[in-house]
Protein backbone atom coordinates (compact mmCIF):
# COMPACT_ATOMS: atom_id res chain seq x y z
CA UNK A 1 149.40 161.72 108.09
CA UNK A 2 147.83 163.69 105.17
CA UNK A 3 144.38 163.59 103.81
CA UNK A 4 146.33 162.00 100.53
CA UNK A 5 148.47 159.25 101.97
CA UNK A 6 144.96 157.82 103.51
CA UNK A 7 143.81 157.22 99.95
CA UNK A 8 146.91 155.97 98.47
CA UNK A 9 145.90 154.29 95.28
CA UNK A 10 149.06 152.21 95.44
CA UNK A 11 148.02 150.58 99.00
CA UNK A 12 145.07 149.30 98.00
CA UNK A 13 146.70 148.04 94.99
CA UNK A 14 149.56 146.13 98.33
CA UNK A 15 146.47 144.82 99.60
CA UNK A 16 144.85 143.56 95.85
CA UNK A 17 148.04 142.23 95.12
CA UNK A 18 148.76 140.23 98.80
CA UNK A 19 144.33 138.95 98.28
CA UNK A 20 144.92 137.54 94.42
CA UNK A 21 148.31 135.52 95.56
CA UNK A 22 146.67 134.30 98.78
CA UNK A 23 143.55 133.25 96.98
CA UNK A 24 146.03 132.00 93.85
CA UNK A 25 147.35 129.42 96.64
CA UNK A 26 143.99 128.14 98.39
CA UNK A 27 142.42 128.20 94.60
CA UNK A 28 145.59 126.05 93.87
CA UNK A 29 146.12 123.60 96.80
CA UNK A 30 144.40 119.73 96.10
CA UNK A 31 141.62 118.75 98.76
CA UNK A 32 143.20 116.25 101.19
CA UNK A 33 142.21 112.88 100.27
CA UNK A 34 139.76 111.75 102.94
CA UNK A 35 140.95 108.78 105.18
CA UNK A 36 138.84 106.27 107.20
CA UNK A 37 138.36 105.88 110.24
CA UNK A 38 140.74 103.26 112.09
CA UNK A 39 138.70 101.66 113.39
CA UNK A 40 135.89 101.00 110.61
CA UNK A 41 138.21 100.34 108.08
CA UNK A 42 139.44 97.76 110.89
CA UNK A 43 135.78 96.50 110.90
CA UNK A 44 135.29 96.60 107.07
CA UNK A 45 138.89 94.61 106.63
CA UNK A 46 138.33 91.94 109.21
CA UNK A 47 134.60 91.07 107.87
CA UNK A 48 136.15 90.46 104.52
CA UNK A 49 138.40 88.49 105.17
CA UNK A 50 136.16 86.31 107.71
CA UNK A 51 133.71 86.67 104.21
CA UNK A 52 136.33 85.65 102.02
CA UNK A 53 137.93 82.51 103.99
CA UNK A 54 134.26 81.34 104.38
CA UNK A 55 133.45 81.18 100.67
CA UNK A 56 136.79 79.83 99.89
CA UNK A 57 136.18 76.79 103.04
CA UNK A 58 132.59 76.22 100.72
CA UNK A 59 133.85 76.26 97.53
CA UNK A 60 137.08 73.66 98.42
CA UNK A 61 134.23 71.68 100.12
CA UNK A 62 132.26 71.51 97.86
CA UNK A 63 135.36 71.05 94.81
CA UNK A 64 135.70 67.86 97.19
CA UNK A 65 132.74 66.64 97.12
CA UNK A 66 131.69 67.41 92.73
CA UNK A 67 135.14 65.08 92.59
CA UNK A 68 134.39 61.85 95.20
CA UNK A 69 130.93 62.03 93.87
CA UNK A 70 131.86 61.79 89.86
CA UNK A 71 134.55 59.12 90.53
CA UNK A 72 132.34 57.42 92.12
CA UNK A 73 129.72 57.39 89.70
CA UNK A 74 132.87 56.89 86.65
CA UNK A 75 133.55 53.71 88.31
CA UNK A 76 130.35 52.40 88.41
CA UNK A 77 129.70 52.93 84.93
CA UNK A 78 131.29 49.98 82.95
CA UNK A 79 131.25 49.74 79.75
CA UNK A 80 130.15 53.19 79.37
CA UNK A 81 132.92 55.11 78.06
CA UNK A 82 131.58 58.18 77.41
CA UNK A 83 130.52 58.92 80.75
CA UNK A 84 133.60 57.66 82.17
CA UNK A 85 135.09 60.06 80.72
CA UNK A 86 132.97 62.91 81.40
CA UNK A 87 133.34 63.01 85.00
CA UNK A 88 136.79 62.57 84.73
CA UNK A 89 136.88 65.81 83.19
CA UNK A 90 134.12 66.96 85.50
CA UNK A 91 136.73 66.25 88.57
CA UNK A 92 139.51 67.47 86.82
CA UNK A 93 137.37 70.84 86.64
CA UNK A 94 136.80 70.85 90.16
CA UNK A 95 139.80 70.46 90.90
CA UNK A 96 141.17 73.41 88.49
CA UNK A 97 138.98 75.79 90.25
CA UNK A 98 139.64 74.87 93.41
CA UNK A 99 143.05 75.83 92.77
CA UNK A 100 142.19 78.65 90.97
CA UNK A 101 139.98 79.96 94.27
CA UNK A 102 143.68 78.51 96.30
CA UNK A 103 145.92 80.99 93.76
CA UNK A 104 144.19 84.17 92.87
CA UNK A 105 141.46 83.67 95.71
CA UNK A 106 142.33 83.52 99.25
CA UNK A 107 143.12 86.01 101.44
CA UNK A 108 146.01 88.36 101.34
CA UNK A 109 148.93 88.59 104.10
CA UNK A 110 148.07 90.28 107.05
CA UNK A 111 149.13 93.70 107.46
CA UNK A 112 151.36 94.41 110.21
CA UNK A 113 150.45 94.81 113.87
CA UNK A 114 152.50 98.84 113.38
CA UNK A 115 150.87 99.70 110.56
CA UNK A 116 149.84 103.05 109.70
CA UNK A 117 145.50 103.75 108.77
CA UNK A 118 147.22 104.67 105.22
CA UNK A 119 148.73 100.50 104.91
CA UNK A 120 146.05 99.12 106.06
CA UNK A 121 143.98 101.49 103.38
CA UNK A 122 146.13 100.62 100.56
CA UNK A 123 145.98 96.20 102.28
CA UNK A 124 142.05 96.74 101.92
CA UNK A 125 142.18 98.32 98.62
CA UNK A 126 144.48 96.07 97.49
CA UNK A 127 142.16 92.66 98.78
CA UNK A 128 138.98 94.62 96.74
CA UNK A 129 140.86 94.92 93.47
CA UNK A 130 142.14 90.95 93.53
CA UNK A 131 138.26 90.09 94.14
CA UNK A 132 137.06 91.90 91.53
CA UNK A 133 139.73 91.03 88.78
CA UNK A 134 138.78 87.06 90.20
CA UNK A 135 134.88 87.22 90.29
CA UNK A 136 134.56 89.27 87.34
CA UNK A 137 135.90 86.27 84.93
CA UNK A 138 134.02 83.77 86.54
CA UNK A 139 132.61 82.39 83.29
CA UNK A 140 136.06 81.77 81.84
CA UNK A 141 137.30 79.89 85.21
CA UNK A 142 134.67 79.11 87.37
CA UNK A 143 131.95 77.70 84.77
CA UNK A 144 134.00 77.28 81.38
CA UNK A 145 135.94 74.32 82.73
CA UNK A 146 132.89 72.31 83.61
CA UNK A 147 131.42 72.81 80.38
CA UNK A 148 133.49 70.41 78.10
CA UNK A 149 132.54 67.24 80.99
CA UNK A 150 128.92 68.33 80.77
CA UNK A 151 128.85 68.19 77.28
CA UNK A 152 129.80 64.26 77.61
CA UNK A 153 128.09 63.25 79.95
CA UNK A 154 124.71 65.08 78.30
CA UNK A 155 125.85 62.75 74.89
CA UNK A 156 127.13 59.28 76.58
CA UNK A 157 123.71 59.52 79.11
CA UNK A 158 121.97 59.95 75.67
CA UNK A 159 123.38 56.33 74.14
CA UNK A 160 125.26 54.76 76.62
CA UNK A 161 122.59 54.68 79.44
CA UNK A 162 119.76 52.84 79.47
CA UNK A 163 117.63 56.23 78.45
CA UNK A 164 119.66 55.07 75.52
CA UNK A 165 116.29 52.00 74.66
CA UNK A 166 114.35 54.64 75.40
CA UNK A 167 111.79 56.79 72.48
CA UNK A 168 113.01 59.57 71.51
CA UNK A 169 110.29 61.48 72.76
CA UNK A 170 111.74 60.54 76.59
CA UNK A 171 115.13 60.90 75.85
CA UNK A 172 114.88 64.59 74.37
CA UNK A 173 113.12 64.99 78.03
CA UNK A 174 115.54 63.60 79.56
CA UNK A 175 118.45 64.81 78.17
CA UNK A 176 116.62 68.22 77.17
CA UNK A 177 115.71 68.75 81.37
CA UNK A 178 119.59 67.36 82.24
CA UNK A 179 120.75 70.24 79.71
CA UNK A 180 118.23 73.03 80.50
CA UNK A 181 119.29 72.76 84.25
CA UNK A 182 122.26 73.51 83.95
CA UNK A 183 121.98 76.06 81.41
CA UNK A 184 119.82 77.33 84.51
CA UNK A 185 123.13 76.96 86.68
CA UNK A 186 125.56 78.48 85.15
CA UNK A 187 123.14 81.90 84.46
CA UNK A 188 122.23 81.54 87.83
CA UNK A 189 125.84 81.43 88.86
CA UNK A 190 127.44 84.00 86.45
CA UNK A 191 124.68 86.65 87.78
CA UNK A 192 125.54 86.00 91.39
CA UNK A 193 128.87 86.32 91.12
CA UNK A 194 128.22 89.58 88.41
CA UNK A 195 126.13 90.82 91.19
CA UNK A 196 128.72 90.18 94.14
CA UNK A 197 131.83 92.24 91.13
CA UNK A 198 129.49 95.57 91.03
CA UNK A 199 129.02 94.95 95.32
CA UNK A 200 132.83 95.23 95.73
CA UNK A 201 133.33 97.92 93.24
CA UNK A 202 130.76 100.02 94.67
CA UNK A 203 132.88 98.70 98.27
CA UNK A 204 136.19 99.79 96.57
CA UNK A 205 134.35 102.88 95.24
CA UNK A 206 133.27 104.27 98.69
CA UNK A 207 136.32 103.75 100.64
CA UNK A 208 138.32 105.88 97.51
CA UNK A 209 135.66 108.58 98.66
CA UNK A 210 136.60 108.40 102.30
C-alpha cells in the first residue's frame, strides 16, 4: 500500500458519512416511554382502589344518615311548610350525590389476571383521570344540590320556627350563625377536594414519568 493510499481523503469521507448516518439515526430515535416496576404499580393500583372503595362507603353511609335525619325532621315539623319542603330538598340532594358517586366515582373493573404491565398502567391512569374529573367538579354535583334546601331551611327557621317570635337581633344571630356554619362547611369541602384533585394530578404526572 502506498503512502498516497494510506491518506486517501475519500476513505475519511466514507467514514464521516457513516458516522453522520449513525448520529442522525440515534438522534431521531424517540426515547422509550418509562414503564414503572410492575410490583410497585400493582401496589399503587390496590391502594388506590381500596381508598376509593372506603371513601364511597363513607359517602353512601353519610347520605343514608342525611336522608333519615331530614325525613324525620320534616315529619316532625308540623305546620312548618317551608321547613318540610327544605328537608325534602336536602334529602333529595343526598340521594343525588350518592347516585353520582355510584355512577361516576366507583372503581373501574379490575384488569384481567393475565394483563400486561402496560395494561395495568393504562388502567391505573384511567382510574386516576376518572377521579380527577369527579373531584374537579365537586361544587356542581356535591355542593350545589344541597344549596336550595339549605337556603329554604334557613328561611323556614326564620319564619316558621320559635325563632320567628324572637327579637330581630336573636333571629339574625341564629339564622346568621347557621348560614355561616353552612358557608364554612361548603368552603372546607371545596378546598379539601381541590387539594385532593391536585394530589391526583401529581400522581398521574408521576405515573407518566415512570
